Amino acid sequence: MDAMTFLSAQCSPLRLAVIDNDGFPIVCSLWYIADDEHILCASHASAKIIRVLKKNPHCAFEVSVNDLPYKGVRGKAIATLEKDSDGLVLSRLIERYVGSSQPSLKKWLLSRRADEYAIRLKIKTMTTWNYGERMQGK
């Protein structure tokens, strides 16, 4: 299974793990786009994930399916934060995850774009798993 192909095709949220100020890990689910050798996410400036990544950009991520057979991608990355005041990344994420199905949600999210950050994950390591063969017939 090719990791970037899987990431491009899969539309479940990415789980991003970071180390909080108290030294314990926290996990945040984010919409994402696989973009060549990076993964792009977005979050509002007031979000805890942005505050934590500003202090420590080292993170880990996972994207997996919730149905049999289980498969997915996980890895380590360095996050860079970029202001997304025009909502370019946010608009792409909304199109991918919401489309035209929830116009009021789309309008609300875009109304906050002035304080939006793009999160660019530069992948350091990445592995895949696929339990398809071992779960045959289940």
N, C-alpha and C. Protein backbone atom coordinates (compact mmCIF):
# COMPACT_ATOMS: atom_id res chain seq x y z
N MET A 1 0.84 -1.17 0.00
CA MET A 1 0.00 0.00 0.00
C MET A 1 0.89 1.24 0.00
N ASP A 2 0.68 2.14 -0.95
CA ASP A 2 1.44 3.38 -1.03
C ASP A 2 0.83 4.41 -0.08
N ALA A 3 1.65 4.97 0.80
CA ALA A 3 1.16 5.86 1.85
C ALA A 3 0.48 7.11 1.30
N MET A 4 1.10 7.80 0.35
CA MET A 4 0.52 9.04 -0.16
C MET A 4 -0.75 8.77 -0.95
N THR A 5 -0.82 7.66 -1.66
CA THR A 5 -2.04 7.30 -2.38
C THR A 5 -3.17 7.05 -1.39
N PHE A 6 -2.87 6.33 -0.31
CA PHE A 6 -3.86 6.07 0.73
C PHE A 6 -4.33 7.39 1.34
N LEU A 7 -3.40 8.27 1.70
CA LEU A 7 -3.76 9.54 2.32
C LEU A 7 -4.64 10.38 1.40
N SER A 8 -4.34 10.37 0.11
CA SER A 8 -5.14 11.14 -0.84
C SER A 8 -6.55 10.59 -0.99
N ALA A 9 -6.68 9.27 -0.90
CA ALA A 9 -7.98 8.63 -1.10
C ALA A 9 -8.84 8.61 0.17
N GLN A 10 -8.21 8.51 1.32
CA GLN A 10 -8.94 8.38 2.59
C GLN A 10 -9.47 9.73 3.03
N CYS A 11 -10.69 9.76 3.50
CA CYS A 11 -11.31 11.04 3.89
C CYS A 11 -11.74 11.07 5.35
N SER A 12 -11.10 10.25 6.18
CA SER A 12 -11.35 10.37 7.62
C SER A 12 -10.35 11.39 8.17
N PRO A 13 -10.63 11.98 9.32
CA PRO A 13 -9.69 12.97 9.87
C PRO A 13 -8.34 12.35 10.24
N LEU A 14 -7.35 13.19 10.24
CA LEU A 14 -6.01 12.84 10.70
C LEU A 14 -5.98 13.08 12.20
N ARG A 15 -5.35 12.18 12.93
CA ARG A 15 -5.14 12.36 14.36
C ARG A 15 -3.71 12.85 14.56
N LEU A 16 -3.58 14.04 15.12
CA LEU A 16 -2.27 14.66 15.32
C LEU A 16 -1.93 14.62 16.80
N ALA A 17 -0.79 14.04 17.13
CA ALA A 17 -0.33 13.94 18.51
C ALA A 17 0.80 14.94 18.74
N VAL A 18 0.69 15.68 19.84
CA VAL A 18 1.71 16.66 20.22
C VAL A 18 1.96 16.53 21.71
N ILE A 19 3.04 17.15 22.18
CA ILE A 19 3.36 17.12 23.61
C ILE A 19 2.92 18.44 24.23
N ASP A 20 2.02 18.35 25.20
CA ASP A 20 1.48 19.53 25.88
C ASP A 20 2.52 20.09 26.86
N ASN A 21 2.21 21.25 27.41
CA ASN A 21 3.12 21.93 28.33
C ASN A 21 3.46 21.11 29.57
N ASP A 22 2.57 20.21 29.96
CA ASP A 22 2.82 19.40 31.15
C ASP A 22 3.62 18.13 30.85
N GLY A 23 4.07 17.98 29.57
CA GLY A 23 4.88 16.83 29.19
C GLY A 23 4.08 15.62 28.74
N PHE A 24 2.76 15.70 28.80
CA PHE A 24 1.92 14.59 28.38
C PHE A 24 1.45 14.80 26.94
N PRO A 25 1.27 13.71 26.20
CA PRO A 25 0.77 13.86 24.83
C PRO A 25 -0.72 14.19 24.81
N ILE A 26 -1.11 14.92 23.79
CA ILE A 26 -2.52 15.15 23.50
C ILE A 26 -2.74 14.84 22.03
N VAL A 27 -3.96 14.48 21.67
CA VAL A 27 -4.31 14.12 20.30
C VAL A 27 -5.44 15.02 19.83
N CYS A 28 -5.31 15.51 18.62
CA CYS A 28 -6.32 16.38 18.03
C CYS A 28 -6.68 15.83 16.64
N SER A 29 -7.95 15.71 16.36
CA SER A 29 -8.40 15.26 15.04
C SER A 29 -8.58 16.47 14.14
N LEU A 30 -7.98 16.39 12.95
CA LEU A 30 -8.01 17.50 12.00
C LEU A 30 -8.31 17.00 10.60
N TRP A 31 -9.00 17.82 9.81
CA TRP A 31 -9.12 17.55 8.39
C TRP A 31 -7.74 17.77 7.76
N TYR A 32 -7.46 17.05 6.70
CA TYR A 32 -6.13 17.15 6.07
C TYR A 32 -6.23 16.99 4.56
N ILE A 33 -5.15 17.41 3.91
CA ILE A 33 -4.94 17.18 2.49
C ILE A 33 -3.51 16.69 2.34
N ALA A 34 -3.32 15.59 1.63
CA ALA A 34 -1.97 15.12 1.30
C ALA A 34 -1.51 15.90 0.08
N ASP A 35 -0.40 16.60 0.20
CA ASP A 35 0.07 17.51 -0.83
C ASP A 35 1.54 17.20 -1.12
N ASP A 36 1.81 16.36 -2.11
CA ASP A 36 3.16 15.91 -2.45
C ASP A 36 3.81 15.25 -1.24
N GLU A 37 4.85 15.87 -0.68
CA GLU A 37 5.53 15.25 0.46
C GLU A 37 5.14 15.87 1.80
N HIS A 38 4.09 16.68 1.79
CA HIS A 38 3.59 17.30 3.01
C HIS A 38 2.14 16.90 3.24
N ILE A 39 1.70 17.17 4.45
CA ILE A 39 0.29 17.04 4.78
C ILE A 39 -0.15 18.41 5.29
N LEU A 40 -1.26 18.90 4.77
CA LEU A 40 -1.77 20.21 5.17
C LEU A 40 -3.03 20.05 6.00
N CYS A 41 -3.09 20.80 7.09
CA CYS A 41 -4.27 20.87 7.95
C CYS A 41 -4.53 22.36 8.21
N ALA A 42 -5.57 22.65 8.95
CA ALA A 42 -5.84 24.04 9.33
C ALA A 42 -6.51 24.05 10.70
N SER A 43 -6.30 25.16 11.40
CA SER A 43 -6.98 25.33 12.68
C SER A 43 -7.01 26.82 13.01
N HIS A 44 -7.94 27.19 13.85
CA HIS A 44 -8.12 28.58 14.23
C HIS A 44 -7.01 29.01 15.20
N ALA A 45 -6.65 30.28 15.16
CA ALA A 45 -5.58 30.81 16.01
C ALA A 45 -5.82 30.56 17.49
N SER A 46 -7.08 30.49 17.90
CA SER A 46 -7.39 30.29 19.31
C SER A 46 -7.32 28.83 19.76
N ALA A 47 -7.10 27.92 18.83
CA ALA A 47 -7.10 26.49 19.16
C ALA A 47 -5.84 26.10 19.94
N LYS A 48 -6.03 25.20 20.88
CA LYS A 48 -4.91 24.72 21.69
C LYS A 48 -3.82 24.09 20.84
N ILE A 49 -4.19 23.38 19.78
CA ILE A 49 -3.19 22.72 18.93
C ILE A 49 -2.21 23.74 18.34
N ILE A 50 -2.69 24.93 18.02
CA ILE A 50 -1.82 25.98 17.48
C ILE A 50 -0.86 26.47 18.56
N ARG A 51 -1.36 26.71 19.75
CA ARG A 51 -0.49 27.16 20.86
C ARG A 51 0.59 26.14 21.16
N VAL A 52 0.22 24.86 21.18
CA VAL A 52 1.19 23.80 21.50
C VAL A 52 2.23 23.68 20.39
N LEU A 53 1.79 23.70 19.12
CA LEU A 53 2.74 23.57 18.01
C LEU A 53 3.69 24.76 17.92
N LYS A 54 3.27 25.93 18.35
CA LYS A 54 4.17 27.10 18.36
C LYS A 54 5.34 26.86 19.31
N LYS A 55 5.09 26.13 20.40
CA LYS A 55 6.15 25.86 21.38
C LYS A 55 6.99 24.65 21.00
N ASN A 56 6.37 23.66 20.36
CA ASN A 56 7.09 22.43 20.01
C ASN A 56 6.48 21.87 18.72
N PRO A 57 7.18 22.02 17.59
CA PRO A 57 6.62 21.59 16.31
C PRO A 57 6.74 20.09 16.03
N HIS A 58 7.38 19.34 16.91
CA HIS A 58 7.52 17.90 16.71
C HIS A 58 6.17 17.23 16.99
N CYS A 59 5.76 16.36 16.09
CA CYS A 59 4.44 15.74 16.24
C CYS A 59 4.43 14.36 15.58
N ALA A 60 3.34 13.66 15.80
CA ALA A 60 3.10 12.37 15.16
C ALA A 60 1.67 12.39 14.64
N PHE A 61 1.40 11.56 13.65
CA PHE A 61 0.07 11.55 13.04
C PHE A 61 -0.34 10.13 12.68
N GLU A 62 -1.66 9.97 12.52
CA GLU A 62 -2.21 8.70 12.07
C GLU A 62 -3.49 8.97 11.29
N VAL A 63 -3.65 8.26 10.19
CA VAL A 63 -4.90 8.22 9.44
C VAL A 63 -5.20 6.75 9.21
N SER A 64 -6.41 6.33 9.58
CA SER A 64 -6.76 4.93 9.40
C SER A 64 -8.24 4.81 9.10
N VAL A 65 -8.62 3.63 8.63
CA VAL A 65 -10.03 3.36 8.37
C VAL A 65 -10.66 2.79 9.63
N ASN A 66 -11.96 2.95 9.76
CA ASN A 66 -12.67 2.46 10.93
C ASN A 66 -13.42 1.17 10.66
N ASP A 67 -13.33 0.66 9.45
CA ASP A 67 -14.04 -0.56 9.07
C ASP A 67 -13.04 -1.63 8.66
N LEU A 68 -13.46 -2.87 8.75
CA LEU A 68 -12.62 -3.99 8.32
C LEU A 68 -12.42 -3.92 6.81
N PRO A 69 -11.27 -4.33 6.33
CA PRO A 69 -10.04 -4.66 7.05
C PRO A 69 -9.30 -3.38 7.45
N TYR A 70 -8.76 -3.39 8.65
CA TYR A 70 -8.07 -2.21 9.16
C TYR A 70 -6.78 -1.96 8.39
N LYS A 71 -6.57 -0.69 8.06
CA LYS A 71 -5.34 -0.27 7.39
C LYS A 71 -5.14 1.21 7.64
N GLY A 72 -3.93 1.67 7.46
CA GLY A 72 -3.69 3.08 7.68
C GLY A 72 -2.24 3.48 7.52
N VAL A 73 -1.99 4.72 7.87
CA VAL A 73 -0.67 5.35 7.76
C VAL A 73 -0.40 6.08 9.07
N ARG A 74 0.82 5.97 9.55
CA ARG A 74 1.23 6.77 10.71
C ARG A 74 2.66 7.23 10.50
N GLY A 75 3.01 8.31 11.20
CA GLY A 75 4.35 8.82 11.03
C GLY A 75 4.69 9.93 12.00
N LYS A 76 5.88 10.45 11.81
CA LYS A 76 6.38 11.58 12.59
C LYS A 76 6.59 12.74 11.63
N ALA A 77 6.44 13.97 12.15
CA ALA A 77 6.57 15.14 11.29
C ALA A 77 7.02 16.35 12.10
N ILE A 78 7.45 17.37 11.37
CA ILE A 78 7.73 18.68 11.94
C ILE A 78 6.67 19.61 11.37
N ALA A 79 5.95 20.31 12.25
CA ALA A 79 4.88 21.20 11.81
C ALA A 79 5.39 22.63 11.67
N THR A 80 4.99 23.27 10.59
CA THR A 80 5.20 24.70 10.45
C THR A 80 3.82 25.35 10.34
N LEU A 81 3.70 26.51 10.94
CA LEU A 81 2.44 27.23 10.96
C LEU A 81 2.55 28.44 10.03
N GLU A 82 1.52 28.62 9.22
CA GLU A 82 1.47 29.75 8.30
C GLU A 82 0.09 30.38 8.42
N LYS A 83 0.03 31.70 8.53
CA LYS A 83 -1.27 32.37 8.55
C LYS A 83 -1.99 32.03 7.25
N ASP A 84 -3.28 31.72 7.37
CA ASP A 84 -4.12 31.39 6.20
C ASP A 84 -5.31 32.36 6.18
N SER A 85 -5.00 33.66 6.29
CA SER A 85 -6.03 34.69 6.40
C SER A 85 -6.98 34.72 5.21
N ASP A 86 -6.51 34.29 4.05
CA ASP A 86 -7.37 34.25 2.86
C ASP A 86 -8.20 32.97 2.82
N GLY A 87 -7.90 32.02 3.71
CA GLY A 87 -8.65 30.78 3.77
C GLY A 87 -8.37 29.83 2.63
N LEU A 88 -7.17 29.89 2.04
CA LEU A 88 -6.86 29.03 0.89
C LEU A 88 -6.84 27.55 1.29
N VAL A 89 -6.12 27.23 2.34
CA VAL A 89 -6.08 25.83 2.80
C VAL A 89 -7.44 25.45 3.38
N LEU A 90 -8.01 26.33 4.18
CA LEU A 90 -9.31 26.06 4.77
C LEU A 90 -10.36 25.76 3.70
N SER A 91 -10.37 26.52 2.63
CA SER A 91 -11.34 26.30 1.54
C SER A 91 -11.16 24.93 0.91
N ARG A 92 -9.93 24.53 0.71
CA ARG A 92 -9.66 23.19 0.15
C ARG A 92 -10.14 22.10 1.09
N LEU A 93 -9.92 22.29 2.39
CA LEU A 93 -10.38 21.30 3.37
C LEU A 93 -11.90 21.22 3.42
N ILE A 94 -12.55 22.36 3.39
CA ILE A 94 -14.01 22.38 3.39
C ILE A 94 -14.55 21.67 2.16
N GLU A 95 -13.97 21.94 1.02
CA GLU A 95 -14.42 21.29 -0.22
C GLU A 95 -14.27 19.78 -0.12
N ARG A 96 -13.15 19.33 0.43
CA ARG A 96 -12.89 17.89 0.53
C ARG A 96 -13.83 17.19 1.52
N TYR A 97 -14.06 17.81 2.68
CA TYR A 97 -14.80 17.14 3.74
C TYR A 97 -16.29 17.48 3.80
N VAL A 98 -16.66 18.65 3.32
CA VAL A 98 -18.05 19.09 3.44
C VAL A 98 -18.70 19.24 2.06
N GLY A 99 -17.95 19.77 1.10
CA GLY A 99 -18.51 20.03 -0.22
C GLY A 99 -19.64 21.03 -0.10
N SER A 100 -20.73 20.75 -0.74
CA SER A 100 -21.88 21.65 -0.68
C SER A 100 -22.97 21.12 0.25
N SER A 101 -22.66 20.09 1.03
CA SER A 101 -23.68 19.42 1.84
C SER A 101 -24.13 20.23 3.07
N GLN A 102 -23.29 21.14 3.56
CA GLN A 102 -23.62 21.89 4.78
C GLN A 102 -23.25 23.37 4.59
N PRO A 103 -24.06 24.10 3.84
CA PRO A 103 -23.70 25.49 3.54
C PRO A 103 -23.54 26.39 4.77
N SER A 104 -24.33 26.16 5.82
CA SER A 104 -24.21 27.01 7.01
C SER A 104 -22.88 26.76 7.73
N LEU A 105 -22.43 25.51 7.79
CA LEU A 105 -21.12 25.20 8.38
C LEU A 105 -20.01 25.83 7.56
N LYS A 106 -20.08 25.68 6.25
CA LYS A 106 -19.07 26.27 5.36
C LYS A 106 -18.99 27.78 5.56
N LYS A 107 -20.16 28.44 5.62
CA LYS A 107 -20.20 29.89 5.80
C LYS A 107 -19.58 30.29 7.13
N TRP A 108 -19.92 29.56 8.21
CA TRP A 108 -19.38 29.88 9.52
C TRP A 108 -17.86 29.69 9.56
N LEU A 109 -17.37 28.58 9.03
CA LEU A 109 -15.92 28.34 9.02
C LEU A 109 -15.19 29.43 8.24
N LEU A 110 -15.70 29.78 7.08
CA LEU A 110 -15.04 30.80 6.26
C LEU A 110 -15.13 32.19 6.89
N SER A 111 -16.15 32.42 7.71
CA SER A 111 -16.28 33.73 8.37
C SER A 111 -15.16 33.96 9.38
N ARG A 112 -14.49 32.90 9.79
CA ARG A 112 -13.40 32.99 10.77
C ARG A 112 -12.02 32.89 10.14
N ARG A 113 -11.93 32.93 8.82
CA ARG A 113 -10.67 32.68 8.12
C ARG A 113 -9.58 33.70 8.42
N ALA A 114 -9.91 34.90 8.84
CA ALA A 114 -8.89 35.92 9.13
C ALA A 114 -7.93 35.45 10.22
N ASP A 115 -8.40 34.57 11.09
CA ASP A 115 -7.56 34.07 12.19
C ASP A 115 -7.20 32.60 12.02
N GLU A 116 -7.19 32.15 10.79
CA GLU A 116 -6.91 30.73 10.52
C GLU A 116 -5.42 30.52 10.28
N TYR A 117 -4.93 29.36 10.71
CA TYR A 117 -3.56 28.95 10.43
C TYR A 117 -3.58 27.69 9.56
N ALA A 118 -2.67 27.64 8.62
CA ALA A 118 -2.40 26.40 7.90
C ALA A 118 -1.30 25.68 8.68
N ILE A 119 -1.46 24.39 8.86
CA ILE A 119 -0.46 23.56 9.53
C ILE A 119 0.15 22.67 8.45
N ARG A 120 1.43 22.87 8.18
CA ARG A 120 2.13 22.06 7.17
C ARG A 120 3.00 21.05 7.88
N LEU A 121 2.70 19.77 7.68
CA LEU A 121 3.47 18.70 8.30
C LEU A 121 4.53 18.21 7.31
N LYS A 122 5.78 18.45 7.66
CA LYS A 122 6.89 17.92 6.87
C LYS A 122 7.19 16.53 7.42
N ILE A 123 6.92 15.52 6.62
CA ILE A 123 7.02 14.14 7.07
C ILE A 123 8.48 13.74 7.26
N LYS A 124 8.78 13.20 8.43
CA LYS A 124 10.12 12.69 8.73
C LYS A 124 10.16 11.18 8.54
N THR A 125 9.16 10.48 9.07
CA THR A 125 9.04 9.03 8.87
C THR A 125 7.56 8.72 8.66
N MET A 126 7.31 7.64 7.92
CA MET A 126 5.94 7.24 7.68
C MET A 126 5.91 5.74 7.41
N THR A 127 4.95 5.07 8.03
CA THR A 127 4.77 3.64 7.81
C THR A 127 3.30 3.37 7.51
N THR A 128 3.05 2.24 6.87
CA THR A 128 1.68 1.84 6.56
C THR A 128 1.42 0.48 7.19
N TRP A 129 0.16 0.16 7.36
CA TRP A 129 -0.23 -1.18 7.77
C TRP A 129 -1.53 -1.51 7.08
N ASN A 130 -1.70 -2.80 6.83
CA ASN A 130 -2.90 -3.30 6.16
C ASN A 130 -3.14 -4.71 6.66
N TYR A 131 -4.22 -4.92 7.43
CA TYR A 131 -4.53 -6.22 7.98
C TYR A 131 -5.50 -6.99 7.10
N GLY A 132 -5.61 -6.60 5.84
CA GLY A 132 -6.55 -7.23 4.91
C GLY A 132 -6.38 -8.73 4.79
N GLU A 133 -5.15 -9.20 4.59
CA GLU A 133 -4.92 -10.65 4.42
C GLU A 133 -5.23 -11.41 5.71
N ARG A 134 -4.83 -10.89 6.83
CA ARG A 134 -5.04 -11.62 8.08
C ARG A 134 -6.49 -11.56 8.54
N MET A 135 -7.28 -10.63 7.99
CA MET A 135 -8.68 -10.50 8.41
C MET A 135 -9.65 -11.05 7.36
N GLN A 136 -9.16 -11.81 6.39
CA GLN A 136 -10.02 -12.37 5.36
C GLN A 136 -11.13 -13.19 6.00
N GLY A 137 -12.35 -12.99 5.53
CA GLY A 137 -13.47 -13.75 6.02
C GLY A 137 -14.05 -13.26 7.32
N LYS A 138 -13.56 -12.16 7.85
CA LYS A 138 -14.09 -11.64 9.13
C LYS A 138 -14.94 -10.43 8.89
